[in-house]
Amino acid sequence: MRASYISRLAVSLMFLLAGSGKFLESGNMAQNFKSWGYSILLLRLVAVFEIVGACLIIFNRTFSKGSILIVCVMIGAIVTHIRFYDQLGFPFLNLLVIAVLSIPLIFRNQLLNPINIKKNNVR
C-alpha cells in the first residue's frame, strides 16, 4: 500500500469517528455548540459533512469532493475557536489537516504538476 493511501485512511477514520460522535451527541460537543450559540441542527450538519467527507476521501475519484467538505468543516472550526478565544493549539491542528488534504489537490492541476509540464514541452 502506498503511504498516501494509508494517510487517507487514517484521516478518514479520524473524521468518521469525529462525525459519528457529533451525530450521536456524545461527549462535550453538543454542550460546546450550545455555548457558542450554534444549534444542534448545525452540529448534525457538521457531523454529516465529516462522515460523507471521510467516506469520499478514501477513493481517488471522489477525493477532491471529500477534501472540499472536510476543508470547509475545518475552516469553520478554526473560525469558531478563534472567535471564542479557545486554546490556539486546536486551530493549528486544523490548519495541518487542511494543508495535508490540499497538497494532492494542488498537484492534480495540470499546470502545477512538474511532470506534466515536462511532458507537454517535449514534442
PDB file of N, CA and C in Angstrom:
ATOM      1  N   MET A   1       0.837  -1.196   0.000  1.00  0.00           N
ATOM      2  CA  MET A   1       0.000   0.000   0.000  1.00  0.00           C
ATOM      3  C   MET A   1       0.872   1.247   0.000  1.00  0.00           C
ATOM      4  N   ARG A   2       0.423   2.234  -0.736  1.00  0.00           N
ATOM      5  CA  ARG A   2       1.165   3.480  -0.783  1.00  0.00           C
ATOM      6  C   ARG A   2       0.930   4.286   0.489  1.00  0.00           C
ATOM      7  N   ALA A   3       1.924   5.076   0.847  1.00  0.00           N
ATOM      8  CA  ALA A   3       1.835   5.878   2.063  1.00  0.00           C
ATOM      9  C   ALA A   3       0.691   6.887   1.982  1.00  0.00           C
ATOM     10  N   SER A   4       0.439   7.435   0.791  1.00  0.00           N
ATOM     11  CA  SER A   4      -0.640   8.418   0.662  1.00  0.00           C
ATOM     12  C   SER A   4      -1.999   7.781   0.934  1.00  0.00           C
ATOM     13  N   TYR A   5      -2.169   6.541   0.512  1.00  0.00           N
ATOM     14  CA  TYR A   5      -3.441   5.857   0.748  1.00  0.00           C
ATOM     15  C   TYR A   5      -3.611   5.552   2.237  1.00  0.00           C
ATOM     16  N   ILE A   6      -2.531   5.164   2.891  1.00  0.00           N
ATOM     17  CA  ILE A   6      -2.597   4.887   4.331  1.00  0.00           C
ATOM     18  C   ILE A   6      -2.926   6.164   5.095  1.00  0.00           C
ATOM     19  N   SER A   7      -2.333   7.292   4.694  1.00  0.00           N
ATOM     20  CA  SER A   7      -2.636   8.552   5.374  1.00  0.00           C
ATOM     21  C   SER A   7      -4.083   8.967   5.120  1.00  0.00           C
ATOM     22  N   ARG A   8      -4.601   8.692   3.910  1.00  0.00           N
ATOM     23  CA  ARG A   8      -6.007   8.990   3.635  1.00  0.00           C
ATOM     24  C   ARG A   8      -6.921   8.148   4.507  1.00  0.00           C
ATOM     25  N   LEU A   9      -6.576   6.877   4.691  1.00  0.00           N
ATOM     26  CA  LEU A   9      -7.381   6.017   5.553  1.00  0.00           C
ATOM     27  C   LEU A   9      -7.361   6.510   6.999  1.00  0.00           C
ATOM     28  N   ALA A  10      -6.206   6.964   7.455  1.00  0.00           N
ATOM     29  CA  ALA A  10      -6.090   7.465   8.825  1.00  0.00           C
ATOM     30  C   ALA A  10      -6.935   8.727   9.019  1.00  0.00           C
ATOM     31  N   VAL A  11      -6.849   9.659   8.071  1.00  0.00           N
ATOM     32  CA  VAL A  11      -7.646  10.884   8.160  1.00  0.00           C
ATOM     33  C   VAL A  11      -9.131  10.538   8.061  1.00  0.00           C
ATOM     34  N   SER A  12      -9.464   9.604   7.183  1.00  0.00           N
ATOM     35  CA  SER A  12     -10.850   9.185   7.031  1.00  0.00           C
ATOM     36  C   SER A  12     -11.393   8.591   8.331  1.00  0.00           C
ATOM     37  N   LEU A  13     -10.623   7.728   8.949  1.00  0.00           N
ATOM     38  CA  LEU A  13     -11.046   7.130  10.216  1.00  0.00           C
ATOM     39  C   LEU A  13     -11.243   8.199  11.284  1.00  0.00           C
ATOM     40  N   MET A  14     -10.316   9.162  11.327  1.00  0.00           N
ATOM     41  CA  MET A  14     -10.417  10.242  12.308  1.00  0.00           C
ATOM     42  C   MET A  14     -11.730  11.014  12.137  1.00  0.00           C
ATOM     43  N   PHE A  15     -12.080  11.345  10.886  1.00  0.00           N
ATOM     44  CA  PHE A  15     -13.300  12.103  10.657  1.00  0.00           C
ATOM     45  C   PHE A  15     -14.556  11.251  10.781  1.00  0.00           C
ATOM     46  N   LEU A  16     -14.466   9.968  10.491  1.00  0.00           N
ATOM     47  CA  LEU A  16     -15.607   9.087  10.741  1.00  0.00           C
ATOM     48  C   LEU A  16     -15.928   9.030  12.234  1.00  0.00           C
ATOM     49  N   LEU A  17     -14.901   8.911  13.043  1.00  0.00           N
ATOM     50  CA  LEU A  17     -15.111   8.875  14.496  1.00  0.00           C
ATOM     51  C   LEU A  17     -15.616  10.213  15.017  1.00  0.00           C
ATOM     52  N   ALA A  18     -15.020  11.311  14.539  1.00  0.00           N
ATOM     53  CA  ALA A  18     -15.449  12.644  14.989  1.00  0.00           C
ATOM     54  C   ALA A  18     -16.885  12.918  14.560  1.00  0.00           C
ATOM     55  N   GLY A  19     -17.210  12.586  13.318  1.00  0.00           N
ATOM     56  CA  GLY A  19     -18.561  12.819  12.826  1.00  0.00           C
ATOM     57  C   GLY A  19     -19.601  11.972  13.533  1.00  0.00           C
ATOM     58  N   SER A  20     -19.275  10.707  13.768  1.00  0.00           N
ATOM     59  CA  SER A  20     -20.241   9.846  14.455  1.00  0.00           C
ATOM     60  C   SER A  20     -20.437  10.293  15.900  1.00  0.00           C
ATOM     61  N   GLY A  21     -19.379  10.765  16.535  1.00  0.00           N
ATOM     62  CA  GLY A  21     -19.511  11.291  17.896  1.00  0.00           C
ATOM     63  C   GLY A  21     -20.414  12.512  17.948  1.00  0.00           C
ATOM     64  N   LYS A  22     -20.274  13.388  16.955  1.00  0.00           N
ATOM     65  CA  LYS A  22     -21.136  14.572  16.898  1.00  0.00           C
ATOM     66  C   LYS A  22     -22.583  14.168  16.596  1.00  0.00           C
ATOM     67  N   PHE A  23     -22.751  13.234  15.698  1.00  0.00           N
ATOM     68  CA  PHE A  23     -24.096  12.820  15.314  1.00  0.00           C
ATOM     69  C   PHE A  23     -24.832  12.179  16.488  1.00  0.00           C
ATOM     70  N   LEU A  24     -24.098  11.444  17.304  1.00  0.00           N
ATOM     71  CA  LEU A  24     -24.696  10.806  18.483  1.00  0.00           C
ATOM     72  C   LEU A  24     -24.735  11.746  19.683  1.00  0.00           C
ATOM     73  N   GLU A  25     -24.182  12.944  19.502  1.00  0.00           N
ATOM     74  CA  GLU A  25     -24.104  13.956  20.559  1.00  0.00           C
ATOM     75  C   GLU A  25     -23.405  13.422  21.811  1.00  0.00           C
ATOM     76  N   SER A  26     -22.364  12.624  21.590  1.00  0.00           N
ATOM     77  CA  SER A  26     -21.612  12.109  22.724  1.00  0.00           C
ATOM     78  C   SER A  26     -20.516  13.110  23.096  1.00  0.00           C
ATOM     79  N   GLY A  27     -20.090  13.055  24.315  1.00  0.00           N
ATOM     80  CA  GLY A  27     -19.029  13.939  24.776  1.00  0.00           C
ATOM     81  C   GLY A  27     -19.538  15.359  25.001  1.00  0.00           C
ATOM     82  N   ASN A  28     -18.612  16.295  24.939  1.00  0.00           N
ATOM     83  CA  ASN A  28     -18.932  17.691  25.232  1.00  0.00           C
ATOM     84  C   ASN A  28     -19.333  18.490  23.991  1.00  0.00           C
ATOM     85  N   MET A  29     -19.320  17.887  22.835  1.00  0.00           N
ATOM     86  CA  MET A  29     -19.512  18.654  21.617  1.00  0.00           C
ATOM     87  C   MET A  29     -20.875  19.343  21.561  1.00  0.00           C
ATOM     88  N   ALA A  30     -21.940  18.675  21.982  1.00  0.00           N
ATOM     89  CA  ALA A  30     -23.269  19.298  21.980  1.00  0.00           C
ATOM     90  C   ALA A  30     -23.290  20.502  22.917  1.00  0.00           C
ATOM     91  N   GLN A  31     -22.660  20.363  24.079  1.00  0.00           N
ATOM     92  CA  GLN A  31     -22.589  21.481  25.023  1.00  0.00           C
ATOM     93  C   GLN A  31     -21.762  22.627  24.444  1.00  0.00           C
ATOM     94  N   ASN A  32     -20.659  22.290  23.765  1.00  0.00           N
ATOM     95  CA  ASN A  32     -19.835  23.328  23.159  1.00  0.00           C
ATOM     96  C   ASN A  32     -20.624  24.104  22.104  1.00  0.00           C
ATOM     97  N   PHE A  33     -21.342  23.405  21.245  1.00  0.00           N
ATOM     98  CA  PHE A  33     -22.122  24.074  20.211  1.00  0.00           C
ATOM     99  C   PHE A  33     -23.165  24.996  20.831  1.00  0.00           C
ATOM    100  N   LYS A  34     -23.819  24.542  21.899  1.00  0.00           N
ATOM    101  CA  LYS A  34     -24.814  25.381  22.573  1.00  0.00           C
ATOM    102  C   LYS A  34     -24.150  26.610  23.197  1.00  0.00           C
ATOM    103  N   SER A  35     -22.994  26.425  23.830  1.00  0.00           N
ATOM    104  CA  SER A  35     -22.318  27.560  24.463  1.00  0.00           C
ATOM    105  C   SER A  35     -21.804  28.562  23.434  1.00  0.00           C
ATOM    106  N   TRP A  36     -21.511  28.106  22.219  1.00  0.00           N
ATOM    107  CA  TRP A  36     -21.068  29.011  21.147  1.00  0.00           C
ATOM    108  C   TRP A  36     -22.254  29.690  20.467  1.00  0.00           C
ATOM    109  N   GLY A  37     -23.477  29.259  20.810  1.00  0.00           N
ATOM    110  CA  GLY A  37     -24.661  29.847  20.209  1.00  0.00           C
ATOM    111  C   GLY A  37     -25.108  29.157  18.940  1.00  0.00           C
ATOM    112  N   TYR A  38     -24.576  27.976  18.655  1.00  0.00           N
ATOM    113  CA  TYR A  38     -24.960  27.216  17.463  1.00  0.00           C
ATOM    114  C   TYR A  38     -26.064  26.229  17.833  1.00  0.00           C
ATOM    115  N   SER A  39     -26.865  25.875  16.850  1.00  0.00           N
ATOM    116  CA  SER A  39     -27.966  24.938  17.095  1.00  0.00           C
ATOM    117  C   SER A  39     -27.486  23.490  16.980  1.00  0.00           C
ATOM    118  N   ILE A  40     -28.285  22.601  17.488  1.00  0.00           N
ATOM    119  CA  ILE A  40     -27.999  21.167  17.367  1.00  0.00           C
ATOM    120  C   ILE A  40     -28.122  20.736  15.906  1.00  0.00           C
ATOM    121  N   LEU A  41     -28.960  21.431  15.144  1.00  0.00           N
ATOM    122  CA  LEU A  41     -29.072  21.147  13.710  1.00  0.00           C
ATOM    123  C   LEU A  41     -27.737  21.374  13.005  1.00  0.00           C
ATOM    124  N   LEU A  42     -27.037  22.440  13.372  1.00  0.00           N
ATOM    125  CA  LEU A  42     -25.711  22.681  12.795  1.00  0.00           C
ATOM    126  C   LEU A  42     -24.722  21.598  13.221  1.00  0.00           C
ATOM    127  N   LEU A  43     -24.816  21.156  14.457  1.00  0.00           N
ATOM    128  CA  LEU A  43     -23.961  20.059  14.927  1.00  0.00           C
ATOM    129  C   LEU A  43     -24.168  18.818  14.072  1.00  0.00           C
ATOM    130  N   ARG A  44     -25.405  18.496  13.776  1.00  0.00           N
ATOM    131  CA  ARG A  44     -25.693  17.319  12.946  1.00  0.00           C
ATOM    132  C   ARG A  44     -25.251  17.530  11.503  1.00  0.00           C
ATOM    133  N   LEU A  45     -25.371  18.762  10.995  1.00  0.00           N
ATOM    134  CA  LEU A  45     -24.917  19.054   9.642  1.00  0.00           C
ATOM    135  C   LEU A  45     -23.401  18.901   9.533  1.00  0.00           C
ATOM    136  N   VAL A  46     -22.685  19.387  10.517  1.00  0.00           N
ATOM    137  CA  VAL A  46     -21.221  19.219  10.552  1.00  0.00           C
ATOM    138  C   VAL A  46     -20.877  17.731  10.617  1.00  0.00           C
ATOM    139  N   ALA A  47     -21.624  16.979  11.412  1.00  0.00           N
ATOM    140  CA  ALA A  47     -21.395  15.533  11.518  1.00  0.00           C
ATOM    141  C   ALA A  47     -21.583  14.852  10.168  1.00  0.00           C
ATOM    142  N   VAL A  48     -22.633  15.219   9.450  1.00  0.00           N
ATOM    143  CA  VAL A  48     -22.884  14.633   8.128  1.00  0.00           C
ATOM    144  C   VAL A  48     -21.747  14.997   7.175  1.00  0.00           C
ATOM    145  N   PHE A  49     -21.317  16.267   7.176  1.00  0.00           N
ATOM    146  CA  PHE A  49     -20.198  16.685   6.318  1.00  0.00           C
ATOM    147  C   PHE A  49     -18.942  15.881   6.640  1.00  0.00           C
ATOM    148  N   GLU A  50     -18.668  15.675   7.926  1.00  0.00           N
ATOM    149  CA  GLU A  50     -17.471  14.918   8.308  1.00  0.00           C
ATOM    150  C   GLU A  50     -17.564  13.465   7.864  1.00  0.00           C
ATOM    151  N   ILE A  51     -18.709  12.849   8.059  1.00  0.00           N
ATOM    152  CA  ILE A  51     -18.863  11.435   7.698  1.00  0.00           C
ATOM    153  C   ILE A  51     -18.819  11.252   6.184  1.00  0.00           C
ATOM    154  N   VAL A  52     -19.546  12.082   5.455  1.00  0.00           N
ATOM    155  CA  VAL A  52     -19.546  11.981   3.989  1.00  0.00           C
ATOM    156  C   VAL A  52     -18.158  12.303   3.443  1.00  0.00           C
ATOM    157  N   GLY A  53     -17.532  13.364   3.960  1.00  0.00           N
ATOM    158  CA  GLY A  53     -16.181  13.718   3.519  1.00  0.00           C
ATOM    159  C   GLY A  53     -15.185  12.612   3.798  1.00  0.00           C
ATOM    160  N   ALA A  54     -15.311  11.980   4.954  1.00  0.00           N
ATOM    161  CA  ALA A  54     -14.412  10.877   5.303  1.00  0.00           C
ATOM    162  C   ALA A  54     -14.568   9.706   4.349  1.00  0.00           C
ATOM    163  N   CYS A  55     -15.798   9.426   3.956  1.00  0.00           N
ATOM    164  CA  CYS A  55     -16.023   8.328   3.001  1.00  0.00           C
ATOM    165  C   CYS A  55     -15.501   8.678   1.612  1.00  0.00           C
ATOM    166  N   LEU A  56     -15.634   9.928   1.223  1.00  0.00           N
ATOM    167  CA  LEU A  56     -15.222  10.338  -0.118  1.00  0.00           C
ATOM    168  C   LEU A  56     -13.705  10.408  -0.302  1.00  0.00           C
ATOM    169  N   ILE A  57     -12.964  10.744   0.756  1.00  0.00           N
ATOM    170  CA  ILE A  57     -11.506  10.886   0.575  1.00  0.00           C
ATOM    171  C   ILE A  57     -10.794   9.545   0.434  1.00  0.00           C
ATOM    172  N   ILE A  58     -11.483   8.466   0.680  1.00  0.00           N
ATOM    173  CA  ILE A  58     -10.852   7.150   0.552  1.00  0.00           C
ATOM    174  C   ILE A  58     -10.557   6.815  -0.905  1.00  0.00           C
ATOM    175  N   PHE A  59     -11.444   7.217  -1.798  1.00  0.00           N
ATOM    176  CA  PHE A  59     -11.334   6.817  -3.207  1.00  0.00           C
ATOM    177  C   PHE A  59     -10.752   7.933  -4.061  1.00  0.00           C
ATOM    178  N   ASN A  60      -9.954   7.560  -5.051  1.00  0.00           N
ATOM    179  CA  ASN A  60      -9.306   8.550  -5.917  1.00  0.00           C
ATOM    180  C   ASN A  60     -10.319   9.419  -6.656  1.00  0.00           C
ATOM    181  N   ARG A  61     -11.377   8.810  -7.185  1.00  0.00           N
ATOM    182  CA  ARG A  61     -12.355   9.565  -7.977  1.00  0.00           C
ATOM    183  C   ARG A  61     -13.093  10.619  -7.168  1.00  0.00           C
ATOM    184  N   THR A  62     -13.279  10.396  -5.883  1.00  0.00           N
ATOM    185  CA  THR A  62     -14.068  11.316  -5.061  1.00  0.00           C
ATOM    186  C   THR A  62     -13.215  12.058  -4.028  1.00  0.00           C
ATOM    187  N   PHE A  63     -11.907  11.898  -4.116  1.00  0.00           N
ATOM    188  CA  PHE A  63     -11.007  12.514  -3.132  1.00  0.00           C
ATOM    189  C   PHE A  63     -11.177  14.032  -3.085  1.00  0.00           C
ATOM    190  N   SER A  64     -11.258  14.676  -4.239  1.00  0.00           N
ATOM    191  CA  SER A  64     -11.364  16.139  -4.282  1.00  0.00           C
ATOM    192  C   SER A  64     -12.635  16.626  -3.599  1.00  0.00           C
ATOM    193  N   LYS A  65     -13.744  15.978  -3.873  1.00  0.00           N
ATOM    194  CA  LYS A  65     -15.015  16.385  -3.269  1.00  0.00           C
ATOM    195  C   LYS A  65     -14.991  16.197  -1.755  1.00  0.00           C
ATOM    196  N   GLY A  66     -14.435  15.080  -1.307  1.00  0.00           N
ATOM    197  CA  GLY A  66     -14.334  14.843   0.132  1.00  0.00           C
ATOM    198  C   GLY A  66     -13.407  15.831   0.812  1.00  0.00           C
ATOM    199  N   SER A  67     -12.313  16.160   0.139  1.00  0.00           N
ATOM    200  CA  SER A  67     -11.376  17.141   0.694  1.00  0.00           C
ATOM    201  C   SER A  67     -12.034  18.497   0.855  1.00  0.00           C
ATOM    202  N   ILE A  68     -12.831  18.885  -0.130  1.00  0.00           N
ATOM    203  CA  ILE A  68     -13.513  20.178  -0.056  1.00  0.00           C
ATOM    204  C   ILE A  68     -14.470  20.207   1.131  1.00  0.00           C
ATOM    205  N   LEU A  69     -15.215  19.128   1.345  1.00  0.00           N
ATOM    206  CA  LEU A  69     -16.128  19.075   2.501  1.00  0.00           C
ATOM    207  C   LEU A  69     -15.362  19.198   3.816  1.00  0.00           C
ATOM    208  N   ILE A  70     -14.286  18.444   3.936  1.00  0.00           N
ATOM    209  CA  ILE A  70     -13.532  18.448   5.189  1.00  0.00           C
ATOM    210  C   ILE A  70     -12.816  19.782   5.394  1.00  0.00           C
ATOM    211  N   VAL A  71     -12.300  20.367   4.331  1.00  0.00           N
ATOM    212  CA  VAL A  71     -11.655  21.671   4.453  1.00  0.00           C
ATOM    213  C   VAL A  71     -12.677  22.713   4.910  1.00  0.00           C
ATOM    214  N   CYS A  72     -13.894  22.667   4.393  1.00  0.00           N
ATOM    215  CA  CYS A  72     -14.942  23.598   4.840  1.00  0.00           C
ATOM    216  C   CYS A  72     -15.237  23.427   6.332  1.00  0.00           C
ATOM    217  N   VAL A  73     -15.332  22.193   6.775  1.00  0.00           N
ATOM    218  CA  VAL A  73     -15.563  21.926   8.200  1.00  0.00           C
ATOM    219  C   VAL A  73     -14.402  22.466   9.038  1.00  0.00           C
ATOM    220  N   MET A  74     -13.182  22.245   8.573  1.00  0.00           N
ATOM    221  CA  MET A  74     -12.014  22.698   9.326  1.00  0.00           C
ATOM    222  C   MET A  74     -11.923  24.224   9.383  1.00  0.00           C
ATOM    223  N   ILE A  75     -12.274  24.890   8.290  1.00  0.00           N
ATOM    224  CA  ILE A  75     -12.275  26.358   8.303  1.00  0.00           C
ATOM    225  C   ILE A  75     -13.304  26.861   9.306  1.00  0.00           C
ATOM    226  N   GLY A  76     -14.476  26.238   9.331  1.00  0.00           N
ATOM    227  CA  GLY A  76     -15.483  26.606  10.322  1.00  0.00           C
ATOM    228  C   GLY A  76     -15.007  26.380  11.746  1.00  0.00           C
ATOM    229  N   ALA A  77     -14.287  25.286  11.969  1.00  0.00           N
ATOM    230  CA  ALA A  77     -13.752  25.003  13.316  1.00  0.00           C
ATOM    231  C   ALA A  77     -12.703  26.035  13.715  1.00  0.00           C
ATOM    232  N   ILE A  78     -11.848  26.402  12.783  1.00  0.00           N
ATOM    233  CA  ILE A  78     -10.815  27.409  13.081  1.00  0.00           C
ATOM    234  C   ILE A  78     -11.457  28.741  13.428  1.00  0.00           C
ATOM    235  N   VAL A  79     -12.415  29.171  12.610  1.00  0.00           N
ATOM    236  CA  VAL A  79     -13.088  30.451  12.859  1.00  0.00           C
ATOM    237  C   VAL A  79     -13.797  30.431  14.204  1.00  0.00           C
ATOM    238  N   THR A  80     -14.473  29.338  14.521  1.00  0.00           N
ATOM    239  CA  THR A  80     -15.175  29.230  15.800  1.00  0.00           C
ATOM    240  C   THR A  80     -14.215  29.317  16.970  1.00  0.00           C
ATOM    241  N   HIS A  81     -13.108  28.589  16.901  1.00  0.00           N
ATOM    242  CA  HIS A  81     -12.172  28.579  18.030  1.00  0.00           C
ATOM    243  C   HIS A  81     -11.446  29.913  18.175  1.00  0.00           C
ATOM    244  N   ILE A  82     -11.172  30.568  17.082  1.00  0.00           N
ATOM    245  CA  ILE A  82     -10.542  31.890  17.183  1.00  0.00           C
ATOM    246  C   ILE A  82     -11.564  32.908  17.694  1.00  0.00           C
ATOM    247  N   ARG A  83     -12.785  32.820  17.197  1.00  0.00           N
ATOM    248  CA  ARG A  83     -13.842  33.763  17.593  1.00  0.00           C
ATOM    249  C   ARG A  83     -14.132  33.696  19.087  1.00  0.00           C
ATOM    250  N   PHE A  84     -14.096  32.507  19.637  1.00  0.00           N
ATOM    251  CA  PHE A  84     -14.404  32.342  21.055  1.00  0.00           C
ATOM    252  C   PHE A  84     -13.147  32.182  21.904  1.00  0.00           C
ATOM    253  N   TYR A  85     -11.993  32.528  21.341  1.00  0.00           N
ATOM    254  CA  TYR A  85     -10.720  32.554  22.058  1.00  0.00           C
ATOM    255  C   TYR A  85     -10.385  31.249  22.765  1.00  0.00           C
ATOM    256  N   ASP A  86     -10.683  30.142  22.123  1.00  0.00           N
ATOM    257  CA  ASP A  86     -10.289  28.847  22.693  1.00  0.00           C
ATOM    258  C   ASP A  86      -8.781  28.687  22.544  1.00  0.00           C
ATOM    259  N   GLN A  87      -8.265  27.622  23.100  1.00  0.00           N
ATOM    260  CA  GLN A  87      -6.823  27.390  23.017  1.00  0.00           C
ATOM    261  C   GLN A  87      -6.380  27.362  21.561  1.00  0.00           C
ATOM    262  N   LEU A  88      -5.234  27.916  21.260  1.00  0.00           N
ATOM    263  CA  LEU A  88      -4.793  28.050  19.884  1.00  0.00           C
ATOM    264  C   LEU A  88      -4.197  26.785  19.298  1.00  0.00           C
ATOM    265  N   GLY A  89      -3.902  25.786  20.097  1.00  0.00           N
ATOM    266  CA  GLY A  89      -3.347  24.555  19.559  1.00  0.00           C
ATOM    267  C   GLY A  89      -4.316  23.843  18.629  1.00  0.00           C
ATOM    268  N   PHE A  90      -5.591  23.907  18.927  1.00  0.00           N
ATOM    269  CA  PHE A  90      -6.596  23.213  18.121  1.00  0.00           C
ATOM    270  C   PHE A  90      -6.708  23.789  16.709  1.00  0.00           C
ATOM    271  N   PRO A  91      -6.795  25.118  16.522  1.00  0.00           N
ATOM    272  CA  PRO A  91      -6.858  25.622  15.145  1.00  0.00           C
ATOM    273  C   PRO A  91      -5.615  25.286  14.320  1.00  0.00           C
ATOM    274  N   PHE A  92      -4.470  25.235  14.947  1.00  0.00           N
ATOM    275  CA  PHE A  92      -3.275  24.912  14.182  1.00  0.00           C
ATOM    276  C   PHE A  92      -3.287  23.452  13.728  1.00  0.00           C
ATOM    277  N   LEU A  93      -3.888  22.572  14.511  1.00  0.00           N
ATOM    278  CA  LEU A  93      -4.062  21.185  14.086  1.00  0.00           C
ATOM    279  C   LEU A  93      -4.977  21.138  12.867  1.00  0.00           C
ATOM    280  N   ASN A  94      -6.029  21.951  12.877  1.00  0.00           N
ATOM    281  CA  ASN A  94      -6.934  22.021  11.726  1.00  0.00           C
ATOM    282  C   ASN A  94      -6.203  22.514  10.486  1.00  0.00           C
ATOM    283  N   LEU A  95      -5.357  23.509  10.653  1.00  0.00           N
ATOM    284  CA  LEU A  95      -4.588  24.009   9.514  1.00  0.00           C
ATOM    285  C   LEU A  95      -3.696  22.920   8.936  1.00  0.00           C
ATOM    286  N   LEU A  96      -3.135  22.098   9.791  1.00  0.00           N
ATOM    287  CA  LEU A  96      -2.302  20.991   9.329  1.00  0.00           C
ATOM    288  C   LEU A  96      -3.129  19.999   8.504  1.00  0.00           C
ATOM    289  N   VAL A  97      -4.326  19.669   8.975  1.00  0.00           N
ATOM    290  CA  VAL A  97      -5.199  18.755   8.223  1.00  0.00           C
ATOM    291  C   VAL A  97      -5.561  19.367   6.878  1.00  0.00           C
ATOM    292  N   ILE A  98      -5.891  20.655   6.856  1.00  0.00           N
ATOM    293  CA  ILE A  98      -6.212  21.335   5.600  1.00  0.00           C
ATOM    294  C   ILE A  98      -5.030  21.275   4.650  1.00  0.00           C
ATOM    295  N   ALA A  99      -3.832  21.525   5.168  1.00  0.00           N
ATOM    296  CA  ALA A  99      -2.642  21.502   4.312  1.00  0.00           C
ATOM    297  C   ALA A  99      -2.404  20.112   3.733  1.00  0.00           C
ATOM    298  N   VAL A 100      -2.523  19.092   4.553  1.00  0.00           N
ATOM    299  CA  VAL A 100      -2.287  17.720   4.084  1.00  0.00           C
ATOM    300  C   VAL A 100      -3.298  17.334   3.012  1.00  0.00           C
ATOM    301  N   LEU A 101      -4.561  17.734   3.183  1.00  0.00           N
ATOM    302  CA  LEU A 101      -5.573  17.399   2.191  1.00  0.00           C
ATOM    303  C   LEU A 101      -5.471  18.263   0.932  1.00  0.00           C
ATOM    304  N   SER A 102      -4.881  19.434   1.044  1.00  0.00           N
ATOM    305  CA  SER A 102      -4.801  20.345  -0.100  1.00  0.00           C
ATOM    306  C   SER A 102      -3.634  20.044  -1.028  1.00  0.00           C
ATOM    307  N   ILE A 103      -2.560  19.471  -0.524  1.00  0.00           N
ATOM    308  CA  ILE A 103      -1.376  19.224  -1.352  1.00  0.00           C
ATOM    309  C   ILE A 103      -1.695  18.372  -2.578  1.00  0.00           C
ATOM    310  N   PRO A 104      -2.405  17.246  -2.441  1.00  0.00           N
ATOM    311  CA  PRO A 104      -2.729  16.483  -3.654  1.00  0.00           C
ATOM    312  C   PRO A 104      -3.622  17.249  -4.627  1.00  0.00           C
ATOM    313  N   LEU A 105      -4.494  18.110  -4.109  1.00  0.00           N
ATOM    314  CA  LEU A 105      -5.351  18.893  -4.984  1.00  0.00           C
ATOM    315  C   LEU A 105      -4.537  19.859  -5.831  1.00  0.00           C
ATOM    316  N   ILE A 106      -3.506  20.440  -5.239  1.00  0.00           N
ATOM    317  CA  ILE A 106      -2.655  21.369  -5.966  1.00  0.00           C
ATOM    318  C   ILE A 106      -1.906  20.646  -7.073  1.00  0.00           C
ATOM    319  N   PHE A 107      -1.356  19.482  -6.776  1.00  0.00           N
ATOM    320  CA  PHE A 107      -0.554  18.776  -7.764  1.00  0.00           C
ATOM    321  C   PHE A 107      -1.386  18.019  -8.793  1.00  0.00           C
ATOM    322  N   ARG A 108      -2.688  17.925  -8.598  1.00  0.00           N
ATOM    323  CA  ARG A 108      -3.545  17.342  -9.628  1.00  0.00           C
ATOM    324  C   ARG A 108      -3.753  18.316 -10.777  1.00  0.00           C
ATOM    325  N   ASN A 109      -3.571  19.592 -10.508  1.00  0.00           N
ATOM    326  CA  ASN A 109      -3.719  20.602 -11.541  1.00  0.00           C
ATOM    327  C   ASN A 109      -2.615  20.418 -12.580  1.00  0.00           C
ATOM    328  N   GLN A 110      -2.980  20.323 -13.845  1.00  0.00           N
ATOM    329  CA  GLN A 110      -2.019  20.084 -14.924  1.00  0.00           C
ATOM    330  C   GLN A 110      -0.932  21.151 -14.969  1.00  0.00           C
ATOM    331  N   LEU A 111      -1.272  22.388 -14.698  1.00  0.00           N
ATOM    332  CA  LEU A 111      -0.302  23.473 -14.823  1.00  0.00           C
ATOM    333  C   LEU A 111       0.750  23.458 -13.728  1.00  0.00           C
ATOM    334  N   LEU A 112       0.400  22.937 -12.561  1.00  0.00           N
ATOM    335  CA  LEU A 112       1.333  22.956 -11.441  1.00  0.00           C
ATOM    336  C   LEU A 112       2.113  21.665 -11.281  1.00  0.00           C
ATOM    337  N   ASN A 113       1.777  20.646 -12.037  1.00  0.00           N
ATOM    338  CA  ASN A 113       2.458  19.365 -11.918  1.00  0.00           C
ATOM    339  C   ASN A 113       3.717  19.376 -12.776  1.00  0.00           C
ATOM    340  N   PRO A 114       4.923  19.356 -12.163  1.00  0.00           N
ATOM    341  CA  PRO A 114       6.164  19.459 -12.922  1.00  0.00           C
ATOM    342  C   PRO A 114       6.343  18.323 -13.929  1.00  0.00           C
ATOM    343  N   ILE A 115       5.824  17.149 -13.652  1.00  0.00           N
ATOM    344  CA  ILE A 115       5.972  16.027 -14.583  1.00  0.00           C
ATOM    345  C   ILE A 115       5.196  16.312 -15.858  1.00  0.00           C
ATOM    346  N   ASN A 116       3.968  16.821 -15.730  1.00  0.00           N
ATOM    347  CA  ASN A 116       3.154  17.120 -16.893  1.00  0.00           C
ATOM    348  C   ASN A 116       3.713  18.296 -17.694  1.00  0.00           C
ATOM    349  N   ILE A 117       4.305  19.259 -17.019  1.00  0.00           N
ATOM    350  CA  ILE A 117       4.908  20.385 -17.722  1.00  0.00           C
ATOM    351  C   ILE A 117       6.051  19.882 -18.600  1.00  0.00           C
ATOM    352  N   LYS A 118       6.855  18.997 -18.055  1.00  0.00           N
ATOM    353  CA  LYS A 118       7.984  18.456 -18.792  1.00  0.00           C
ATOM    354  C   LYS A 118       7.502  17.657 -20.008  1.00  0.00           C
ATOM    355  N   LYS A 119       6.454  16.840 -19.826  1.00  0.00           N
ATOM    356  CA  LYS A 119       5.931  16.027 -20.928  1.00  0.00           C
ATOM    357  C   LYS A 119       5.329  16.900 -22.028  1.00  0.00           C
ATOM    358  N   ASN A 120       4.629  17.986 -21.635  1.00  0.00           N
ATOM    359  CA  ASN A 120       3.970  18.841 -22.616  1.00  0.00           C
ATOM    360  C   ASN A 120       4.959  19.634 -23.450  1.00  0.00           C
ATOM    361  N   ASN A 121       6.128  19.923 -22.924  1.00  0.00           N
ATOM    362  CA  ASN A 121       7.122  20.705 -23.645  1.00  0.00           C
ATOM    363  C   ASN A 121       7.926  19.855 -24.624  1.00  0.00           C
ATOM    364  N   VAL A 122       7.919  18.553 -24.473  1.00  0.00           N
ATOM    365  CA  VAL A 122       8.661  17.648 -25.357  1.00  0.00           C
ATOM    366  C   VAL A 122       7.749  17.295 -26.521  1.00  0.00           C
ATOM    367  N   ARG A 123       8.288  17.415 -27.753  1.00  0.00           N
ATOM    368  CA  ARG A 123       7.464  17.108 -28.946  1.00  0.00           C
ATOM    369  C   ARG A 123       7.836  15.805 -29.523  1.00  0.00           C
TER     370      ARG A 123
END
